[in-house]
Amino acid sequence: MGAKGDNYKKKIREMSNAWNQTRRMKILAVRPSMTLEYSQWRDQRVNDNIFVSNLETVRSLEEHLQVMHSGIEVIKQDFEKRNLELGRKIEQLEEEKMKLGLDVDNKKLEADKLRKGKNKAE
C-alpha cells in the first residue's frame, strides 16, 4: 500500500469489509455462548454502578431542613450566650478602668499637695 493509485480506494474498502466481517462473526459466535448466569451477573454489575437511594434511609426535605434549623438554633444560642458573657466582661473592665482612673487622679492630687507643702516649707 505504498503509493496511492487507482486501486487504493478499492483495497481500503476490501480491508475494511474484511475487518467488519470478522468482527460481526465474533459477535455472532460469542453472543449465544454467554450463559444466563453470566448475562445476569453482567447486568447486575452494570446496575451496581448506578446509585439507587434506599427509601428507608431517605428523609423528606422538611425533616432535613428541621435538622439543619435545629443545628442553626444551637449555634445561635451559643453565640448569644457568649455575646452576653463578653458584654458583662466589658462592663466589668470599664468599671475597673474608671476606678483606676479615679485612683490615679487621687494620687496626682496627693502628689501635688505634697509638692506644694514642700515648696512652702522651703
C-alpha atoms as a PDB file:
ATOM      1  CA  MET A   1       0.000   0.000   0.000  1.00  0.00           C
ATOM      2  CA  GLY A   2       2.782   2.331  -0.801  1.00  0.00           C
ATOM      3  CA  ALA A   3       1.530   4.842  -3.306  1.00  0.00           C
ATOM      4  CA  LYS A   4      -1.974   5.903  -3.990  1.00  0.00           C
ATOM      5  CA  GLY A   5      -3.167   4.516  -7.216  1.00  0.00           C
ATOM      6  CA  ASP A   6      -6.369   3.665  -8.996  1.00  0.00           C
ATOM      7  CA  ASN A   7      -6.902   0.655  -6.768  1.00  0.00           C
ATOM      8  CA  TYR A   8      -6.212   2.453  -3.481  1.00  0.00           C
ATOM      9  CA  LYS A   9      -9.850   3.094  -2.544  1.00  0.00           C
ATOM     10  CA  LYS A  10     -10.800  -0.418  -3.623  1.00  0.00           C
ATOM     11  CA  LYS A  11      -8.101  -2.014  -1.441  1.00  0.00           C
ATOM     12  CA  ILE A  12      -9.070   0.108   1.572  1.00  0.00           C
ATOM     13  CA  ARG A  13     -12.739  -0.812   1.124  1.00  0.00           C
ATOM     14  CA  GLU A  14     -11.844  -4.526   0.900  1.00  0.00           C
ATOM     15  CA  MET A  15      -9.729  -4.331   4.082  1.00  0.00           C
ATOM     16  CA  SER A  16     -12.495  -2.502   5.928  1.00  0.00           C
ATOM     17  CA  ASN A  17     -15.116  -5.017   4.817  1.00  0.00           C
ATOM     18  CA  ALA A  18     -12.892  -7.937   5.848  1.00  0.00           C
ATOM     19  CA  TRP A  19     -12.347  -6.437   9.294  1.00  0.00           C
ATOM     20  CA  ASN A  20     -16.073  -5.712   9.760  1.00  0.00           C
ATOM     21  CA  GLN A  21     -16.961  -9.230   8.660  1.00  0.00           C
ATOM     22  CA  THR A  22     -14.627 -10.870  11.192  1.00  0.00           C
ATOM     23  CA  ARG A  23     -15.939  -8.557  13.915  1.00  0.00           C
ATOM     24  CA  ARG A  24     -19.533  -9.476  13.104  1.00  0.00           C
ATOM     25  CA  MET A  25     -18.648 -13.154  13.121  1.00  0.00           C
ATOM     26  CA  LYS A  26     -17.070 -12.819  16.578  1.00  0.00           C
ATOM     27  CA  ILE A  27     -20.231 -11.178  17.888  1.00  0.00           C
ATOM     28  CA  LEU A  28     -22.377 -13.943  16.453  1.00  0.00           C
ATOM     29  CA  ALA A  29     -20.069 -16.605  17.828  1.00  0.00           C
ATOM     30  CA  VAL A  30     -19.729 -15.082  21.305  1.00  0.00           C
ATOM     31  CA  ARG A  31     -23.316 -13.913  21.931  1.00  0.00           C
ATOM     32  CA  PRO A  32     -25.000 -17.319  22.050  1.00  0.00           C
ATOM     33  CA  SER A  33     -22.233 -18.765  24.203  1.00  0.00           C
ATOM     34  CA  MET A  34     -22.999 -16.329  27.044  1.00  0.00           C
ATOM     35  CA  THR A  35     -24.814 -18.170  29.780  1.00  0.00           C
ATOM     36  CA  LEU A  36     -27.857 -16.815  31.516  1.00  0.00           C
ATOM     37  CA  GLU A  37     -25.886 -16.526  34.778  1.00  0.00           C
ATOM     38  CA  TYR A  38     -23.140 -14.528  33.081  1.00  0.00           C
ATOM     39  CA  SER A  39     -25.679 -12.259  31.443  1.00  0.00           C
ATOM     40  CA  GLN A  40     -27.414 -11.647  34.785  1.00  0.00           C
ATOM     41  CA  TRP A  41     -24.082 -11.065  36.519  1.00  0.00           C
ATOM     42  CA  ARG A  42     -23.068  -8.574  33.831  1.00  0.00           C
ATOM     43  CA  ASP A  43     -26.389  -6.711  34.060  1.00  0.00           C
ATOM     44  CA  GLN A  44     -26.108  -6.631  37.860  1.00  0.00           C
ATOM     45  CA  ARG A  45     -22.558  -5.302  37.664  1.00  0.00           C
ATOM     46  CA  VAL A  46     -23.669  -2.508  35.361  1.00  0.00           C
ATOM     47  CA  ASN A  47     -26.600  -1.734  37.646  1.00  0.00           C
ATOM     48  CA  ASP A  48     -24.333  -1.717  40.723  1.00  0.00           C
ATOM     49  CA  ASN A  49     -22.647   1.365  39.320  1.00  0.00           C
ATOM     50  CA  ILE A  50     -25.971   3.219  39.261  1.00  0.00           C
ATOM     51  CA  PHE A  51     -26.910   4.847  42.574  1.00  0.00           C
ATOM     52  CA  VAL A  52     -30.366   3.915  43.773  1.00  0.00           C
ATOM     53  CA  SER A  53     -31.489   5.523  47.011  1.00  0.00           C
ATOM     54  CA  ASN A  54     -32.843   3.357  49.785  1.00  0.00           C
ATOM     55  CA  LEU A  55     -36.324   4.609  50.639  1.00  0.00           C
ATOM     56  CA  GLU A  56     -35.903   3.667  54.305  1.00  0.00           C
ATOM     57  CA  THR A  57     -32.926   5.971  54.770  1.00  0.00           C
ATOM     58  CA  VAL A  58     -34.248   8.865  52.735  1.00  0.00           C
ATOM     59  CA  ARG A  59     -35.519  11.770  54.794  1.00  0.00           C
ATOM     60  CA  SER A  60     -38.023  14.243  53.494  1.00  0.00           C
ATOM     61  CA  LEU A  61     -36.878  17.744  52.680  1.00  0.00           C
ATOM     62  CA  GLU A  62     -38.789  19.133  55.671  1.00  0.00           C
ATOM     63  CA  GLU A  63     -37.056  16.700  58.053  1.00  0.00           C
ATOM     64  CA  HIS A  64     -33.682  17.588  56.591  1.00  0.00           C
ATOM     65  CA  LEU A  65     -34.391  21.303  56.950  1.00  0.00           C
ATOM     66  CA  GLN A  66     -35.621  20.810  60.536  1.00  0.00           C
ATOM     67  CA  VAL A  67     -32.353  19.123  61.435  1.00  0.00           C
ATOM     68  CA  MET A  68     -30.431  21.984  59.847  1.00  0.00           C
ATOM     69  CA  HIS A  69     -32.711  24.526  61.563  1.00  0.00           C
ATOM     70  CA  SER A  70     -32.174  22.979  64.989  1.00  0.00           C
ATOM     71  CA  GLY A  71     -28.416  22.953  64.377  1.00  0.00           C
ATOM     72  CA  ILE A  72     -28.520  26.625  63.474  1.00  0.00           C
ATOM     73  CA  GLU A  73     -30.607  27.351  66.580  1.00  0.00           C
ATOM     74  CA  VAL A  74     -27.989  25.678  68.794  1.00  0.00           C
ATOM     75  CA  ILE A  75     -25.226  27.715  67.193  1.00  0.00           C
ATOM     76  CA  LYS A  76     -27.296  30.898  67.544  1.00  0.00           C
ATOM     77  CA  GLN A  77     -27.943  30.215  71.254  1.00  0.00           C
ATOM     78  CA  ASP A  78     -24.241  29.550  71.859  1.00  0.00           C
ATOM     79  CA  PHE A  79     -23.405  32.807  70.087  1.00  0.00           C
ATOM     80  CA  GLU A  80     -25.919  34.810  72.144  1.00  0.00           C
ATOM     81  CA  LYS A  81     -24.655  33.246  75.391  1.00  0.00           C
ATOM     82  CA  ARG A  82     -21.044  34.055  74.511  1.00  0.00           C
ATOM     83  CA  ASN A  83     -22.071  37.555  73.463  1.00  0.00           C
ATOM     84  CA  LEU A  84     -23.736  38.174  76.872  1.00  0.00           C
ATOM     85  CA  GLU A  85     -20.659  36.876  78.702  1.00  0.00           C
ATOM     86  CA  LEU A  86     -18.403  39.183  76.720  1.00  0.00           C
ATOM     87  CA  GLY A  87     -20.765  42.120  77.338  1.00  0.00           C
ATOM     88  CA  ARG A  88     -20.560  41.527  81.110  1.00  0.00           C
ATOM     89  CA  LYS A  89     -16.781  41.266  80.910  1.00  0.00           C
ATOM     90  CA  ILE A  90     -16.617  44.580  79.015  1.00  0.00           C
ATOM     91  CA  GLU A  91     -18.772  46.281  81.679  1.00  0.00           C
ATOM     92  CA  GLN A  92     -16.515  44.936  84.453  1.00  0.00           C
ATOM     93  CA  LEU A  93     -13.400  46.152  82.654  1.00  0.00           C
ATOM     94  CA  GLU A  94     -14.923  49.608  82.092  1.00  0.00           C
ATOM     95  CA  GLU A  95     -15.807  49.878  85.813  1.00  0.00           C
ATOM     96  CA  GLU A  96     -12.303  48.789  86.748  1.00  0.00           C
ATOM     97  CA  LYS A  97     -10.850  51.336  84.328  1.00  0.00           C
ATOM     98  CA  MET A  98     -12.983  54.083  85.839  1.00  0.00           C
ATOM     99  CA  LYS A  99     -11.918  53.130  89.389  1.00  0.00           C
ATOM    100  CA  LEU A 100      -8.263  53.024  88.375  1.00  0.00           C
ATOM    101  CA  GLY A 101      -8.656  56.407  86.695  1.00  0.00           C
ATOM    102  CA  LEU A 102     -10.108  57.853  89.914  1.00  0.00           C
ATOM    103  CA  ASP A 103      -7.252  56.310  91.905  1.00  0.00           C
ATOM    104  CA  VAL A 104      -4.737  57.905  89.554  1.00  0.00           C
ATOM    105  CA  ASP A 105      -6.453  61.282  89.887  1.00  0.00           C
ATOM    106  CA  ASN A 106      -6.395  60.983  93.706  1.00  0.00           C
ATOM    107  CA  LYS A 107      -2.694  60.060  93.695  1.00  0.00           C
ATOM    108  CA  LYS A 108      -1.922  63.039  91.454  1.00  0.00           C
ATOM    109  CA  LEU A 109      -3.787  65.397  93.788  1.00  0.00           C
ATOM    110  CA  GLU A 110      -1.936  63.976  96.794  1.00  0.00           C
ATOM    111  CA  ALA A 111       1.383  64.321  94.974  1.00  0.00           C
ATOM    112  CA  ASP A 112       0.562  67.926  94.037  1.00  0.00           C
ATOM    113  CA  LYS A 113      -0.373  68.732  97.671  1.00  0.00           C
ATOM    114  CA  LEU A 114       2.883  67.189  98.897  1.00  0.00           C
ATOM    115  CA  ARG A 115       4.891  69.229  96.377  1.00  0.00           C
ATOM    116  CA  LYS A 116       3.105  72.426  97.361  1.00  0.00           C
ATOM    117  CA  GLY A 117       3.696  71.591 101.006  1.00  0.00           C
ATOM    118  CA  LYS A 118       7.430  71.024 100.357  1.00  0.00           C
ATOM    119  CA  ASN A 119       7.685  74.246  98.358  1.00  0.00           C
ATOM    120  CA  LYS A 120       6.033  76.260 101.187  1.00  0.00           C
ATOM    121  CA  ALA A 121       8.276  74.618 103.750  1.00  0.00           C
ATOM    122  CA  GLU A 122      11.395  75.713 101.930  1.00  0.00           C
END
